[in-house]
């Protein structure tokens, strides 16, 4: 019986395949752009969820597709996880006891700051020379 965690890999793979097709890239081209390079078969296995995705590969794929890493994650109903704003909002509500409107506003501001984190910008700069034209 597959766990929720195991169910996430095929969903991530479908997102990767969708982005690859949108960019009109082959599995072989994607494999060559990764560091270290991987085979076409490995990319195919990632896309079908048969091979687990390493974090450094996930970050590189996001950079290749020119999207944030979260764009390759499945919607929350597939992954079984909550969206960051919901989690932040719940935690703020529990710990700060703010009115609902103030909590929602603060959670949105925090989420916006997380979306523009420095590591995403740094990764994009680091991998920009490897992106297909």
Foldseek 3Di string as FASTA:
>chain_A
DDDLQLQFQLQLLCLLVVLCVVVPHALQLLQVLDVVRDHSVVNVCSNRSNDDDDPSSLLLSCLLSVHHSCSSGGPCVSSVDDDQLVVQLVVCCVPVVDPNVVSSVVSVVVVVDVVPDPVSVVSNVVSVVSHDD
